[in-house]
Each structure stands twice: as C-alpha cells, then as structure tokens.
Amino acid sequence: MKTLGVKFSDTQILKIKDISEVVGIDASKLSRAAMKLGLVQIQALAARDLEKAKDLVLVNDARAK
C-alpha cells in the first residue's frame, strides 16, 4: 500500500477514532473502508449524472472542513 497525503479536519479525526473504538477496528482500516465506500457512491452517481457527483463532492468537502 502507498500513503496518500490527505489532510483530515479535527472533527473527522475524532469521528474516525470514536467509530474505530466503538466497532473495535483499527483507525487506518476504518478510514480505508470509509474511503472505499465513499468512492463507490461517487462513482455510481457520476455514472448517472456527472454534475450531481461533482456537487456531492464539493458540498461534502466544504462540510468536512
């Protein structure tokens, strides 16, 4: 695996840590799974409507900060 230089907000880091403790899964594994799930959702939406997929990404990026 390669490292991806991604910055997470403090809120996202806390959510990752909290959820990883609740489900008993390593934070890295949880982050990779969340990324995979999100990418699948974005890809499926982009196949139907590229503009909606772009909007989804941009809105959620703004909310994640």
C-alpha atoms as a PDB file:
ATOM      1  CA  MET A   1       0.000   0.000   0.000  1.00  0.00           C
ATOM      2  CA  LYS A   2       1.012   3.572  -0.605  1.00  0.00           C
ATOM      3  CA  THR A   3       0.445   6.546   1.670  1.00  0.00           C
ATOM      4  CA  LEU A   4      -1.940   9.156   0.360  1.00  0.00           C
ATOM      5  CA  GLY A   5      -1.203  12.653   1.609  1.00  0.00           C
ATOM      6  CA  VAL A   6      -4.691  13.562   2.785  1.00  0.00           C
ATOM      7  CA  LYS A   7      -5.468  16.103   5.486  1.00  0.00           C
ATOM      8  CA  PHE A   8      -8.428  15.479   7.782  1.00  0.00           C
ATOM      9  CA  SER A   9     -10.146  18.076   9.933  1.00  0.00           C
ATOM     10  CA  ASP A  10     -10.051  17.715  13.710  1.00  0.00           C
ATOM     11  CA  THR A  11     -13.723  16.695  13.627  1.00  0.00           C
ATOM     12  CA  GLN A  12     -13.064  13.928  11.111  1.00  0.00           C
ATOM     13  CA  ILE A  13     -10.134  12.622  13.134  1.00  0.00           C
ATOM     14  CA  LEU A  14     -12.284  12.494  16.273  1.00  0.00           C
ATOM     15  CA  LYS A  15     -15.080  10.689  14.398  1.00  0.00           C
ATOM     16  CA  ILE A  16     -12.622   8.154  12.976  1.00  0.00           C
ATOM     17  CA  LYS A  17     -11.162   7.497  16.422  1.00  0.00           C
ATOM     18  CA  ASP A  18     -14.595   7.256  18.084  1.00  0.00           C
ATOM     19  CA  ILE A  19     -16.045   4.906  15.486  1.00  0.00           C
ATOM     20  CA  SER A  20     -12.920   2.749  15.438  1.00  0.00           C
ATOM     21  CA  GLU A  21     -13.212   2.307  19.206  1.00  0.00           C
ATOM     22  CA  VAL A  22     -16.935   1.501  19.014  1.00  0.00           C
ATOM     23  CA  VAL A  23     -16.548  -1.138  16.309  1.00  0.00           C
ATOM     24  CA  GLY A  24     -13.172  -2.366  17.543  1.00  0.00           C
ATOM     25  CA  ILE A  25     -11.381  -1.790  14.240  1.00  0.00           C
ATOM     26  CA  ASP A  26      -8.056  -0.072  13.639  1.00  0.00           C
ATOM     27  CA  ALA A  27      -8.480   3.595  12.604  1.00  0.00           C
ATOM     28  CA  SER A  28      -6.487   3.037   9.393  1.00  0.00           C
ATOM     29  CA  LYS A  29      -8.705   0.132   8.353  1.00  0.00           C
ATOM     30  CA  LEU A  30     -11.814   2.160   9.146  1.00  0.00           C
ATOM     31  CA  SER A  31     -10.516   5.125   7.131  1.00  0.00           C
ATOM     32  CA  ARG A  32      -9.711   2.923   4.134  1.00  0.00           C
ATOM     33  CA  ALA A  33     -13.165   1.321   4.291  1.00  0.00           C
ATOM     34  CA  ALA A  34     -14.872   4.710   4.546  1.00  0.00           C
ATOM     35  CA  MET A  35     -12.864   5.966   1.585  1.00  0.00           C
ATOM     36  CA  LYS A  36     -13.794   2.871  -0.447  1.00  0.00           C
ATOM     37  CA  LEU A  37     -17.497   3.231   0.404  1.00  0.00           C
ATOM     38  CA  GLY A  38     -17.482   6.921  -0.470  1.00  0.00           C
ATOM     39  CA  LEU A  39     -15.655   6.371  -3.749  1.00  0.00           C
ATOM     40  CA  VAL A  40     -18.140   3.688  -4.775  1.00  0.00           C
ATOM     41  CA  GLN A  41     -21.022   6.089  -4.060  1.00  0.00           C
ATOM     42  CA  ILE A  42     -19.396   8.940  -6.002  1.00  0.00           C
ATOM     43  CA  GLN A  43     -18.560   6.652  -8.921  1.00  0.00           C
ATOM     44  CA  ALA A  44     -22.117   5.309  -9.110  1.00  0.00           C
ATOM     45  CA  LEU A  45     -23.576   8.825  -9.049  1.00  0.00           C
ATOM     46  CA  ALA A  46     -21.080  10.044 -11.671  1.00  0.00           C
ATOM     47  CA  ALA A  47     -22.168   7.230 -13.994  1.00  0.00           C
ATOM     48  CA  ARG A  48     -25.725   8.604 -13.831  1.00  0.00           C
ATOM     49  CA  ASP A  49     -25.135  12.347 -13.502  1.00  0.00           C
ATOM     50  CA  LEU A  50     -21.637  13.815 -13.552  1.00  0.00           C
ATOM     51  CA  GLU A  51     -22.728  17.271 -12.379  1.00  0.00           C
ATOM     52  CA  LYS A  52     -24.543  15.852  -9.342  1.00  0.00           C
ATOM     53  CA  ALA A  53     -21.431  13.812  -8.495  1.00  0.00           C
ATOM     54  CA  LYS A  54     -19.268  16.936  -8.665  1.00  0.00           C
ATOM     55  CA  ASP A  55     -21.751  18.827  -6.486  1.00  0.00           C
ATOM     56  CA  LEU A  56     -21.827  15.980  -3.960  1.00  0.00           C
ATOM     57  CA  VAL A  57     -18.032  16.021  -3.704  1.00  0.00           C
ATOM     58  CA  LEU A  58     -17.785  19.794  -3.374  1.00  0.00           C
ATOM     59  CA  VAL A  59     -20.566  20.115  -0.799  1.00  0.00           C
ATOM     60  CA  ASN A  60     -19.175  17.316   1.338  1.00  0.00           C
ATOM     61  CA  ASP A  61     -15.639  18.669   1.062  1.00  0.00           C
ATOM     62  CA  ALA A  62     -16.893  22.013   2.387  1.00  0.00           C
ATOM     63  CA  ARG A  63     -18.765  20.285   5.230  1.00  0.00           C
ATOM     64  CA  ALA A  64     -15.696  18.237   6.149  1.00  0.00           C
ATOM     65  CA  LYS A  65     -13.585  21.286   6.984  1.00  0.00           C
END
